Amino acid sequence: QVQLVESGGGLVQPGGSLRLSCAASGSIFRIYTMGWYRQAPGNQRELVASITNGGSTSSADSVRGRFTISMDNARNTVYLQMNSLKPEDTAVYYCRANLQRYGSNLRTIYWGQGTQVTVSS
């Protein structure tokens, strides 16, 4: 089985910073893409940033220049460094992985449990 475990969420003041981590574990042959999504109350889940195992990144316009995604391939871990946080960044942040398991030739999507990020004075 595969599990994605997130950490690093919490309460921070506007202008502050947080660093989210997501570690994938289990019988993983190869991770192709990992990303961060967020969902605020009443809103649909949206892509924040994503990264491939080759290091190619993509991010939403709303976070570009403030958030940075990175991946540690040796540890199967993705990070989201969030700087200059705004109240509108408040949401539950979910980790997503597109990976191939041992014994399979299919790419499968896995989701983390989500971690709360609250930006407030």
C-alpha atoms as a PDB file:
ATOM      1  CA  GLN A   1       0.000   0.000   0.000  1.00  0.00           C
ATOM      2  CA  VAL A   2       0.938   3.655  -0.440  1.00  0.00           C
ATOM      3  CA  GLN A   3       0.476   6.436   2.073  1.00  0.00           C
ATOM      4  CA  LEU A   4       0.966  10.198   1.818  1.00  0.00           C
ATOM      5  CA  VAL A   5       1.575  11.974   5.123  1.00  0.00           C
ATOM      6  CA  GLU A   6       1.453  15.771   5.298  1.00  0.00           C
ATOM      7  CA  SER A   7       2.810  18.098   7.952  1.00  0.00           C
ATOM      8  CA  GLY A   8       3.632  21.749   8.532  1.00  0.00           C
ATOM      9  CA  GLY A   9       0.236  23.406   8.550  1.00  0.00           C
ATOM     10  CA  GLY A  10      -0.861  25.825  11.221  1.00  0.00           C
ATOM     11  CA  LEU A  11      -1.824  29.374  12.107  1.00  0.00           C
ATOM     12  CA  VAL A  12       0.316  32.243  10.850  1.00  0.00           C
ATOM     13  CA  GLN A  13      -0.032  36.022  10.595  1.00  0.00           C
ATOM     14  CA  PRO A  14      -0.324  37.785   7.235  1.00  0.00           C
ATOM     15  CA  GLY A  15       3.119  38.205   5.723  1.00  0.00           C
ATOM     16  CA  GLY A  16       4.434  35.164   7.537  1.00  0.00           C
ATOM     17  CA  SER A  17       5.779  31.877   6.218  1.00  0.00           C
ATOM     18  CA  LEU A  18       5.062  28.176   6.481  1.00  0.00           C
ATOM     19  CA  ARG A  19       6.688  25.102   4.990  1.00  0.00           C
ATOM     20  CA  LEU A  20       4.525  22.110   4.160  1.00  0.00           C
ATOM     21  CA  SER A  21       5.941  18.614   3.753  1.00  0.00           C
ATOM     22  CA  CYS A  22       4.452  15.490   2.213  1.00  0.00           C
ATOM     23  CA  ALA A  23       6.210  12.136   2.447  1.00  0.00           C
ATOM     24  CA  ALA A  24       5.105   9.215   0.299  1.00  0.00           C
ATOM     25  CA  SER A  25       5.787   5.716   1.605  1.00  0.00           C
ATOM     26  CA  GLY A  26       5.043   2.148   0.589  1.00  0.00           C
ATOM     27  CA  SER A  27       5.858  -0.065  -2.376  1.00  0.00           C
ATOM     28  CA  ILE A  28       6.667   2.804  -4.723  1.00  0.00           C
ATOM     29  CA  PHE A  29       8.553   2.089  -7.919  1.00  0.00           C
ATOM     30  CA  ARG A  30       8.595   5.621  -9.261  1.00  0.00           C
ATOM     31  CA  ILE A  31       6.918   8.940  -8.561  1.00  0.00           C
ATOM     32  CA  TYR A  32       6.151  10.893 -11.713  1.00  0.00           C
ATOM     33  CA  THR A  33       4.457  13.990 -10.341  1.00  0.00           C
ATOM     34  CA  MET A  34       3.655  15.434  -6.932  1.00  0.00           C
ATOM     35  CA  GLY A  35       1.613  18.505  -6.228  1.00  0.00           C
ATOM     36  CA  TRP A  36      -0.244  20.618  -3.730  1.00  0.00           C
ATOM     37  CA  TYR A  37      -3.929  21.471  -3.966  1.00  0.00           C
ATOM     38  CA  ARG A  38      -6.038  23.574  -1.638  1.00  0.00           C
ATOM     39  CA  GLN A  39      -9.701  23.928  -0.824  1.00  0.00           C
ATOM     40  CA  ALA A  40     -11.227  26.833   1.065  1.00  0.00           C
ATOM     41  CA  PRO A  41     -14.736  26.644   2.560  1.00  0.00           C
ATOM     42  CA  GLY A  42     -17.337  26.936  -0.185  1.00  0.00           C
ATOM     43  CA  ASN A  43     -14.735  26.675  -2.932  1.00  0.00           C
ATOM     44  CA  GLN A  44     -13.648  23.907  -5.261  1.00  0.00           C
ATOM     45  CA  ARG A  45     -10.297  22.247  -4.827  1.00  0.00           C
ATOM     46  CA  GLU A  46      -7.663  24.024  -6.902  1.00  0.00           C
ATOM     47  CA  LEU A  47      -4.113  23.332  -7.969  1.00  0.00           C
ATOM     48  CA  VAL A  48      -1.495  25.361  -6.114  1.00  0.00           C
ATOM     49  CA  ALA A  49       1.729  23.954  -7.534  1.00  0.00           C
ATOM     50  CA  SER A  50       3.107  20.753  -9.017  1.00  0.00           C
ATOM     51  CA  ILE A  51       6.484  19.256  -9.813  1.00  0.00           C
ATOM     52  CA  THR A  52       7.749  16.321 -11.855  1.00  0.00           C
ATOM     53  CA  ASN A  53      10.552  13.970 -10.871  1.00  0.00           C
ATOM     54  CA  GLY A  54      12.659  15.793 -13.436  1.00  0.00           C
ATOM     55  CA  GLY A  55      12.187  19.096 -11.628  1.00  0.00           C
ATOM     56  CA  SER A  56       9.702  20.823 -13.934  1.00  0.00           C
ATOM     57  CA  THR A  57       7.326  23.015 -11.936  1.00  0.00           C
ATOM     58  CA  SER A  58       4.013  24.728 -12.422  1.00  0.00           C
ATOM     59  CA  SER A  59       2.105  27.052 -10.107  1.00  0.00           C
ATOM     60  CA  ALA A  60      -1.107  29.017  -9.908  1.00  0.00           C
ATOM     61  CA  ASP A  61      -1.030  32.709 -10.770  1.00  0.00           C
ATOM     62  CA  SER A  62      -2.273  33.574  -7.288  1.00  0.00           C
ATOM     63  CA  VAL A  63       0.816  32.116  -5.589  1.00  0.00           C
ATOM     64  CA  ARG A  64       3.519  32.667  -8.171  1.00  0.00           C
ATOM     65  CA  GLY A  65       6.477  34.512  -6.690  1.00  0.00           C
ATOM     66  CA  ARG A  66       5.416  33.681  -3.130  1.00  0.00           C
ATOM     67  CA  PHE A  67       5.266  29.870  -3.044  1.00  0.00           C
ATOM     68  CA  THR A  68       7.994  27.459  -4.105  1.00  0.00           C
ATOM     69  CA  ILE A  69       7.552  23.731  -4.650  1.00  0.00           C
ATOM     70  CA  SER A  70      10.453  21.293  -4.472  1.00  0.00           C
ATOM     71  CA  MET A  71      10.991  17.538  -4.335  1.00  0.00           C
ATOM     72  CA  ASP A  72      13.508  15.297  -2.613  1.00  0.00           C
ATOM     73  CA  ASN A  73      13.493  12.226  -4.852  1.00  0.00           C
ATOM     74  CA  ALA A  74      15.610  10.174  -2.448  1.00  0.00           C
ATOM     75  CA  ARG A  75      13.047  10.646   0.321  1.00  0.00           C
ATOM     76  CA  ASN A  76       9.913  10.636  -1.882  1.00  0.00           C
ATOM     77  CA  THR A  77       9.009  13.933  -0.280  1.00  0.00           C
ATOM     78  CA  VAL A  78       7.562  17.124  -1.715  1.00  0.00           C
ATOM     79  CA  TYR A  79       7.702  20.521  -0.020  1.00  0.00           C
ATOM     80  CA  LEU A  80       5.800  23.752  -0.376  1.00  0.00           C
ATOM     81  CA  GLN A  81       7.570  26.837   0.940  1.00  0.00           C
ATOM     82  CA  MET A  82       4.942  29.524   1.458  1.00  0.00           C
ATOM     83  CA  ASN A  83       6.104  33.102   1.968  1.00  0.00           C
ATOM     84  CA  SER A  84       4.260  36.415   2.194  1.00  0.00           C
ATOM     85  CA  LEU A  85       1.096  34.598   3.194  1.00  0.00           C
ATOM     86  CA  LYS A  86      -2.249  36.314   2.729  1.00  0.00           C
ATOM     87  CA  PRO A  87      -5.626  35.670   4.364  1.00  0.00           C
ATOM     88  CA  GLU A  88      -6.912  34.368   1.032  1.00  0.00           C
ATOM     89  CA  ASP A  89      -4.346  31.560   1.265  1.00  0.00           C
ATOM     90  CA  THR A  90      -6.376  30.092   4.124  1.00  0.00           C
ATOM     91  CA  ALA A  91      -7.481  26.587   3.117  1.00  0.00           C
ATOM     92  CA  VAL A  92      -6.959  22.896   3.650  1.00  0.00           C
ATOM     93  CA  TYR A  93      -3.890  21.915   1.650  1.00  0.00           C
ATOM     94  CA  TYR A  94      -3.777  18.450   0.100  1.00  0.00           C
ATOM     95  CA  CYS A  95      -0.803  16.545  -1.237  1.00  0.00           C
ATOM     96  CA  ARG A  96      -1.239  14.572  -4.465  1.00  0.00           C
ATOM     97  CA  ALA A  97       1.064  12.012  -6.059  1.00  0.00           C
ATOM     98  CA  ASN A  98       0.997  10.343  -9.454  1.00  0.00           C
ATOM     99  CA  LEU A  99       3.094   7.218  -9.050  1.00  0.00           C
ATOM    100  CA  GLN A 100       3.763   3.675 -10.159  1.00  0.00           C
ATOM    101  CA  ARG A 101       3.798   0.837  -7.634  1.00  0.00           C
ATOM    102  CA  TYR A 102       5.986  -2.252  -7.748  1.00  0.00           C
ATOM    103  CA  GLY A 103       4.196  -4.985  -9.682  1.00  0.00           C
ATOM    104  CA  SER A 104       2.175  -2.532 -11.738  1.00  0.00           C
ATOM    105  CA  ASN A 105       2.693  -0.724 -15.009  1.00  0.00           C
ATOM    106  CA  LEU A 106      -0.079   1.768 -14.282  1.00  0.00           C
ATOM    107  CA  ARG A 107       0.171   5.270 -12.920  1.00  0.00           C
ATOM    108  CA  THR A 108      -2.112   5.804  -9.934  1.00  0.00           C
ATOM    109  CA  ILE A 109      -3.226   8.941  -8.083  1.00  0.00           C
ATOM    110  CA  TYR A 110      -2.926   9.127  -4.298  1.00  0.00           C
ATOM    111  CA  TRP A 111      -4.064  11.892  -1.953  1.00  0.00           C
ATOM    112  CA  GLY A 112      -2.950  12.944   1.485  1.00  0.00           C
ATOM    113  CA  GLN A 113      -5.340  13.628   4.340  1.00  0.00           C
ATOM    114  CA  GLY A 114      -4.968  17.402   4.153  1.00  0.00           C
ATOM    115  CA  THR A 115      -3.455  19.944   6.517  1.00  0.00           C
ATOM    116  CA  GLN A 116      -5.062  23.207   7.626  1.00  0.00           C
ATOM    117  CA  VAL A 117      -3.357  26.504   6.844  1.00  0.00           C
ATOM    118  CA  THR A 118      -4.891  29.574   8.459  1.00  0.00           C
ATOM    119  CA  VAL A 119      -3.591  33.084   7.771  1.00  0.00           C
ATOM    120  CA  SER A 120      -5.100  35.555  10.207  1.00  0.00           C
ATOM    121  CA  SER A 121      -4.267  38.403  12.562  1.00  0.00           C
END
